């Protein structure tokens, strides 16, 4: 299990646009999530041990903050040709098993991952009501091989500050996880 850390996009960056299908083929775009208190974008997949470690807590926190007016979307950018465990059928199975209440989208071209400078799963980006980046980094400090359950402490603190209109601390730690599985020859310059 090789650990990769996130790129830490500049705070204040406008959320890049996307238009991606979910596992049922329904298209979702960034514009669909305007009018909310914020937007949490999570680059994730089905088979990564780092994602599996946090997925139950992620589902719980996502539901809690969706109820408080924050939109949440999951994006799978892995190469499904070489990683069939991340296929749309498996995405649907995973979403239903874990109980995701947010759209789980497939970035088959991997262009959206590149636009966000995403590099690992999970890689989390929280935007405010104007879709300006206010948090990017780790879900929490736990890792799958530590024997400690995921808490979501870091992302929850950022989400809570956002919904209460408090300043979000800028001392943020990078996310860590498996690298996005780039298609052959498609890895971005910032990767590796």
C-alpha atoms as a PDB file:
ATOM      1  CA  UNK A   1       0.000   0.000   0.000  1.00  0.00           C
ATOM      2  CA  UNK A   2       1.835   3.104  -1.249  1.00  0.00           C
ATOM      3  CA  UNK A   3       0.649   6.312   0.381  1.00  0.00           C
ATOM      4  CA  UNK A   4       0.328   9.518  -1.655  1.00  0.00           C
ATOM      5  CA  UNK A   5      -0.619  12.934  -0.254  1.00  0.00           C
ATOM      6  CA  UNK A   6      -2.848  15.615  -1.716  1.00  0.00           C
ATOM      7  CA  UNK A   7      -1.620  18.642  -3.677  1.00  0.00           C
ATOM      8  CA  UNK A   8      -3.256  21.272  -1.431  1.00  0.00           C
ATOM      9  CA  UNK A   9      -4.869  23.534  -4.049  1.00  0.00           C
ATOM     10  CA  UNK A  10      -4.747  27.229  -3.087  1.00  0.00           C
ATOM     11  CA  UNK A  11      -7.486  28.353  -0.711  1.00  0.00           C
ATOM     12  CA  UNK A  12      -9.906  30.724  -2.425  1.00  0.00           C
ATOM     13  CA  UNK A  13      -9.719  28.833  -5.738  1.00  0.00           C
ATOM     14  CA  UNK A  14     -13.080  28.634  -7.529  1.00  0.00           C
ATOM     15  CA  UNK A  15     -14.404  25.077  -7.818  1.00  0.00           C
ATOM     16  CA  UNK A  16     -13.661  23.804 -11.325  1.00  0.00           C
ATOM     17  CA  UNK A  17     -16.734  22.951 -13.360  1.00  0.00           C
ATOM     18  CA  UNK A  18     -17.675  19.358 -13.992  1.00  0.00           C
ATOM     19  CA  UNK A  19     -20.392  17.478 -15.806  1.00  0.00           C
ATOM     20  CA  UNK A  20     -20.245  13.798 -14.944  1.00  0.00           C
ATOM     21  CA  UNK A  21     -22.572  10.787 -14.879  1.00  0.00           C
ATOM     22  CA  UNK A  22     -23.475   8.921 -11.730  1.00  0.00           C
ATOM     23  CA  UNK A  23     -23.528   5.116 -11.716  1.00  0.00           C
ATOM     24  CA  UNK A  24     -27.057   5.169 -13.161  1.00  0.00           C
ATOM     25  CA  UNK A  25     -26.016   7.408 -16.065  1.00  0.00           C
ATOM     26  CA  UNK A  26     -27.679  10.600 -14.739  1.00  0.00           C
ATOM     27  CA  UNK A  27     -25.476  13.646 -15.377  1.00  0.00           C
ATOM     28  CA  UNK A  28     -24.621  16.059 -12.557  1.00  0.00           C
ATOM     29  CA  UNK A  29     -22.753  19.357 -12.880  1.00  0.00           C
ATOM     30  CA  UNK A  30     -21.181  21.755 -10.407  1.00  0.00           C
ATOM     31  CA  UNK A  31     -23.975  24.235 -11.197  1.00  0.00           C
ATOM     32  CA  UNK A  32     -26.498  21.737  -9.793  1.00  0.00           C
ATOM     33  CA  UNK A  33     -25.028  22.407  -6.356  1.00  0.00           C
ATOM     34  CA  UNK A  34     -25.342  26.211  -6.354  1.00  0.00           C
ATOM     35  CA  UNK A  35     -27.589  27.782  -3.733  1.00  0.00           C
ATOM     36  CA  UNK A  36     -26.220  25.627  -0.909  1.00  0.00           C
ATOM     37  CA  UNK A  37     -24.166  26.760   2.092  1.00  0.00           C
ATOM     38  CA  UNK A  38     -21.224  24.900   0.610  1.00  0.00           C
ATOM     39  CA  UNK A  39     -20.060  22.043  -1.576  1.00  0.00           C
ATOM     40  CA  UNK A  40     -17.912  19.133  -0.429  1.00  0.00           C
ATOM     41  CA  UNK A  41     -16.197  17.281  -3.301  1.00  0.00           C
ATOM     42  CA  UNK A  42     -14.609  13.952  -2.360  1.00  0.00           C
ATOM     43  CA  UNK A  43     -12.391  12.084  -4.825  1.00  0.00           C
ATOM     44  CA  UNK A  44     -12.830   8.464  -3.830  1.00  0.00           C
ATOM     45  CA  UNK A  45     -13.165   4.936  -5.177  1.00  0.00           C
ATOM     46  CA  UNK A  46     -14.422   1.527  -4.129  1.00  0.00           C
ATOM     47  CA  UNK A  47     -11.334  -0.567  -3.450  1.00  0.00           C
ATOM     48  CA  UNK A  48      -8.828   1.784  -1.778  1.00  0.00           C
ATOM     49  CA  UNK A  49      -8.190   0.778   1.865  1.00  0.00           C
ATOM     50  CA  UNK A  50      -7.958   4.464   2.843  1.00  0.00           C
ATOM     51  CA  UNK A  51     -11.449   5.128   1.461  1.00  0.00           C
ATOM     52  CA  UNK A  52     -12.861   1.916   2.944  1.00  0.00           C
ATOM     53  CA  UNK A  53     -11.428   3.034   6.304  1.00  0.00           C
ATOM     54  CA  UNK A  54     -13.443   6.289   6.275  1.00  0.00           C
ATOM     55  CA  UNK A  55     -16.508   5.420   4.185  1.00  0.00           C
ATOM     56  CA  UNK A  56     -18.971   4.684   7.005  1.00  0.00           C
ATOM     57  CA  UNK A  57     -18.023   7.873   8.862  1.00  0.00           C
ATOM     58  CA  UNK A  58     -18.042   9.820   5.578  1.00  0.00           C
ATOM     59  CA  UNK A  59     -21.606   8.626   4.875  1.00  0.00           C
ATOM     60  CA  UNK A  60     -22.663   9.712   8.386  1.00  0.00           C
ATOM     61  CA  UNK A  61     -21.017  13.151   8.205  1.00  0.00           C
ATOM     62  CA  UNK A  62     -22.240  13.760   4.648  1.00  0.00           C
ATOM     63  CA  UNK A  63     -25.845  13.083   5.713  1.00  0.00           C
ATOM     64  CA  UNK A  64     -25.501  15.313   8.776  1.00  0.00           C
ATOM     65  CA  UNK A  65     -24.202  18.276   6.775  1.00  0.00           C
ATOM     66  CA  UNK A  66     -26.512  17.741   3.805  1.00  0.00           C
ATOM     67  CA  UNK A  67     -29.280  18.228   6.375  1.00  0.00           C
ATOM     68  CA  UNK A  68     -27.543  21.513   7.338  1.00  0.00           C
ATOM     69  CA  UNK A  69     -27.480  22.765   3.733  1.00  0.00           C
ATOM     70  CA  UNK A  70     -24.103  21.577   2.403  1.00  0.00           C
ATOM     71  CA  UNK A  71     -24.079  19.715  -0.923  1.00  0.00           C
ATOM     72  CA  UNK A  72     -21.824  16.650  -1.134  1.00  0.00           C
ATOM     73  CA  UNK A  73     -20.570  14.790  -4.195  1.00  0.00           C
ATOM     74  CA  UNK A  74     -18.225  11.827  -4.570  1.00  0.00           C
ATOM     75  CA  UNK A  75     -16.093  11.455  -7.709  1.00  0.00           C
ATOM     76  CA  UNK A  76     -14.334   8.278  -8.860  1.00  0.00           C
ATOM     77  CA  UNK A  77     -11.539   9.084 -11.341  1.00  0.00           C
ATOM     78  CA  UNK A  78      -9.799   5.697 -11.352  1.00  0.00           C
ATOM     79  CA  UNK A  79      -9.042   3.799 -14.567  1.00  0.00           C
ATOM     80  CA  UNK A  80     -11.952   1.337 -14.541  1.00  0.00           C
ATOM     81  CA  UNK A  81     -10.424  -0.635 -17.430  1.00  0.00           C
ATOM     82  CA  UNK A  82      -7.519  -1.741 -15.254  1.00  0.00           C
ATOM     83  CA  UNK A  83      -9.437  -1.526 -11.959  1.00  0.00           C
ATOM     84  CA  UNK A  84     -12.842  -3.169 -12.549  1.00  0.00           C
ATOM     85  CA  UNK A  85     -13.558  -2.952  -8.797  1.00  0.00           C
ATOM     86  CA  UNK A  86     -14.201   0.745  -9.502  1.00  0.00           C
ATOM     87  CA  UNK A  87     -16.732   0.189 -12.317  1.00  0.00           C
ATOM     88  CA  UNK A  88     -20.131   1.955 -12.235  1.00  0.00           C
ATOM     89  CA  UNK A  89     -21.808  -1.317 -11.199  1.00  0.00           C
ATOM     90  CA  UNK A  90     -19.425  -1.641  -8.255  1.00  0.00           C
ATOM     91  CA  UNK A  91     -19.882   2.071  -7.432  1.00  0.00           C
ATOM     92  CA  UNK A  92     -23.631   1.461  -7.176  1.00  0.00           C
ATOM     93  CA  UNK A  93     -23.107  -1.605  -4.968  1.00  0.00           C
ATOM     94  CA  UNK A  94     -20.771   0.325  -2.677  1.00  0.00           C
ATOM     95  CA  UNK A  95     -23.052   3.380  -2.426  1.00  0.00           C
ATOM     96  CA  UNK A  96     -26.014   1.189  -1.517  1.00  0.00           C
ATOM     97  CA  UNK A  97     -24.024  -0.947   0.939  1.00  0.00           C
ATOM     98  CA  UNK A  98     -22.524   2.021   2.772  1.00  0.00           C
ATOM     99  CA  UNK A  99     -25.585   4.259   2.463  1.00  0.00           C
ATOM    100  CA  UNK A 100     -24.233   7.243   0.558  1.00  0.00           C
ATOM    101  CA  UNK A 101     -26.881   9.973   0.344  1.00  0.00           C
ATOM    102  CA  UNK A 102     -24.878  11.985  -2.197  1.00  0.00           C
ATOM    103  CA  UNK A 103     -24.274  11.556  -5.938  1.00  0.00           C
ATOM    104  CA  UNK A 104     -21.299   9.302  -6.702  1.00  0.00           C
ATOM    105  CA  UNK A 105     -19.935  10.255 -10.120  1.00  0.00           C
ATOM    106  CA  UNK A 106     -17.572   8.658 -12.628  1.00  0.00           C
ATOM    107  CA  UNK A 107     -14.789  10.825 -14.109  1.00  0.00           C
ATOM    108  CA  UNK A 108     -13.853   8.402 -16.868  1.00  0.00           C
ATOM    109  CA  UNK A 109     -11.711  10.924 -18.797  1.00  0.00           C
ATOM    110  CA  UNK A 110      -9.898  11.855 -15.542  1.00  0.00           C
ATOM    111  CA  UNK A 111     -10.076  15.523 -16.611  1.00  0.00           C
ATOM    112  CA  UNK A 112     -12.040  16.567 -13.520  1.00  0.00           C
ATOM    113  CA  UNK A 113      -9.425  15.022 -11.214  1.00  0.00           C
ATOM    114  CA  UNK A 114      -6.776  17.003 -13.087  1.00  0.00           C
ATOM    115  CA  UNK A 115      -8.797  20.233 -12.838  1.00  0.00           C
ATOM    116  CA  UNK A 116      -8.946  19.777  -9.045  1.00  0.00           C
ATOM    117  CA  UNK A 117      -5.308  18.614  -8.896  1.00  0.00           C
ATOM    118  CA  UNK A 118      -6.599  15.520  -7.091  1.00  0.00           C
ATOM    119  CA  UNK A 119      -3.915  12.929  -6.487  1.00  0.00           C
ATOM    120  CA  UNK A 120      -5.158  10.449  -3.896  1.00  0.00           C
ATOM    121  CA  UNK A 121      -8.231   8.685  -2.617  1.00  0.00           C
ATOM    122  CA  UNK A 122      -9.688  10.139  -0.531  1.00  0.00           C
ATOM    123  CA  UNK A 123      -8.959  13.745  -1.541  1.00  0.00           C
ATOM    124  CA  UNK A 124     -11.394  16.253  -0.033  1.00  0.00           C
ATOM    125  CA  UNK A 125     -12.261  19.779  -1.170  1.00  0.00           C
ATOM    126  CA  UNK A 126     -14.743  21.994   0.696  1.00  0.00           C
ATOM    127  CA  UNK A 127     -16.082  25.104  -1.031  1.00  0.00           C
ATOM    128  CA  UNK A 128     -18.210  27.883   0.430  1.00  0.00           C
ATOM    129  CA  UNK A 129     -21.565  29.131  -0.909  1.00  0.00           C
ATOM    130  CA  UNK A 130     -19.727  30.966  -3.718  1.00  0.00           C
ATOM    131  CA  UNK A 131     -17.813  27.768  -4.553  1.00  0.00           C
ATOM    132  CA  UNK A 132     -14.500  29.233  -3.322  1.00  0.00           C
ATOM    133  CA  UNK A 133     -12.150  26.716  -1.672  1.00  0.00           C
ATOM    134  CA  UNK A 134     -12.092  26.987   2.131  1.00  0.00           C
ATOM    135  CA  UNK A 135     -10.692  23.579   3.099  1.00  0.00           C
ATOM    136  CA  UNK A 136      -8.644  20.902   1.398  1.00  0.00           C
ATOM    137  CA  UNK A 137      -6.929  18.103   3.167  1.00  0.00           C
ATOM    138  CA  UNK A 138      -7.413  15.094   5.340  1.00  0.00           C
ATOM    139  CA  UNK A 139     -10.652  13.588   6.599  1.00  0.00           C
ATOM    140  CA  UNK A 140      -8.918  13.030   9.935  1.00  0.00           C
ATOM    141  CA  UNK A 141      -5.544  11.841  11.250  1.00  0.00           C
ATOM    142  CA  UNK A 142      -6.429   8.133  11.319  1.00  0.00           C
ATOM    143  CA  UNK A 143      -5.098   5.685   8.744  1.00  0.00           C
ATOM    144  CA  UNK A 144      -6.267   2.139   7.947  1.00  0.00           C
ATOM    145  CA  UNK A 145      -3.247   0.392   9.463  1.00  0.00           C
ATOM    146  CA  UNK A 146      -3.426   2.127  12.868  1.00  0.00           C
ATOM    147  CA  UNK A 147      -6.290   0.199  14.436  1.00  0.00           C
ATOM    148  CA  UNK A 148      -8.161   3.434  15.225  1.00  0.00           C
ATOM    149  CA  UNK A 149     -11.628   4.154  13.808  1.00  0.00           C
ATOM    150  CA  UNK A 150     -12.133   7.123  11.497  1.00  0.00           C
ATOM    151  CA  UNK A 151     -13.553  10.184  13.257  1.00  0.00           C
ATOM    152  CA  UNK A 152     -13.821  12.746  10.451  1.00  0.00           C
ATOM    153  CA  UNK A 153     -12.495  15.267  12.976  1.00  0.00           C
ATOM    154  CA  UNK A 154     -10.743  17.565  10.466  1.00  0.00           C
ATOM    155  CA  UNK A 155     -13.468  17.727   7.816  1.00  0.00           C
ATOM    156  CA  UNK A 156     -16.211  17.972  10.445  1.00  0.00           C
ATOM    157  CA  UNK A 157     -14.511  20.968  12.082  1.00  0.00           C
ATOM    158  CA  UNK A 158     -14.302  22.689   8.684  1.00  0.00           C
ATOM    159  CA  UNK A 159     -17.918  21.852   7.837  1.00  0.00           C
ATOM    160  CA  UNK A 160     -19.160  23.083  11.210  1.00  0.00           C
ATOM    161  CA  UNK A 161     -17.240  26.356  10.866  1.00  0.00           C
ATOM    162  CA  UNK A 162     -18.684  26.792   7.370  1.00  0.00           C
ATOM    163  CA  UNK A 163     -22.322  26.299   8.389  1.00  0.00           C
ATOM    164  CA  UNK A 164     -21.846  28.601  11.401  1.00  0.00           C
ATOM    165  CA  UNK A 165     -20.121  31.265   9.252  1.00  0.00           C
ATOM    166  CA  UNK A 166     -16.947  31.078  11.320  1.00  0.00           C
ATOM    167  CA  UNK A 167     -13.460  31.326   9.914  1.00  0.00           C
ATOM    168  CA  UNK A 168     -11.980  27.982   8.911  1.00  0.00           C
ATOM    169  CA  UNK A 169      -8.408  27.521  10.192  1.00  0.00           C
ATOM    170  CA  UNK A 170      -5.895  27.708   7.363  1.00  0.00           C
ATOM    171  CA  UNK A 171      -3.468  25.280   9.016  1.00  0.00           C
ATOM    172  CA  UNK A 172      -4.726  22.247   7.100  1.00  0.00           C
ATOM    173  CA  UNK A 173      -3.028  18.867   6.719  1.00  0.00           C
ATOM    174  CA  UNK A 174      -2.896  17.082   3.360  1.00  0.00           C
ATOM    175  CA  UNK A 175      -5.067  14.077   2.747  1.00  0.00           C
ATOM    176  CA  UNK A 176      -3.282  10.749   2.383  1.00  0.00           C
ATOM    177  CA  UNK A 177      -4.312   7.654   0.500  1.00  0.00           C
ATOM    178  CA  UNK A 178      -3.815   5.516  -2.569  1.00  0.00           C
ATOM    179  CA  UNK A 179      -2.887   7.339  -5.745  1.00  0.00           C
ATOM    180  CA  UNK A 180      -5.589   7.914  -8.328  1.00  0.00           C
ATOM    181  CA  UNK A 181      -5.196   5.099 -10.846  1.00  0.00           C
ATOM    182  CA  UNK A 182      -4.314   7.077 -13.969  1.00  0.00           C
ATOM    183  CA  UNK A 183      -4.856   5.589 -17.393  1.00  0.00           C
ATOM    184  CA  UNK A 184      -1.626   4.774 -19.210  1.00  0.00           C
ATOM    185  CA  UNK A 185       0.018   8.009 -20.343  1.00  0.00           C
ATOM    186  CA  UNK A 186      -2.649  10.159 -18.665  1.00  0.00           C
ATOM    187  CA  UNK A 187      -0.955  11.004 -15.363  1.00  0.00           C
ATOM    188  CA  UNK A 188      -0.753  14.791 -14.889  1.00  0.00           C
ATOM    189  CA  UNK A 189       2.526  16.677 -14.572  1.00  0.00           C
ATOM    190  CA  UNK A 190       1.897  17.343 -10.867  1.00  0.00           C
ATOM    191  CA  UNK A 191       1.739  13.600 -10.167  1.00  0.00           C
ATOM    192  CA  UNK A 192       4.834  11.610  -9.356  1.00  0.00           C
END
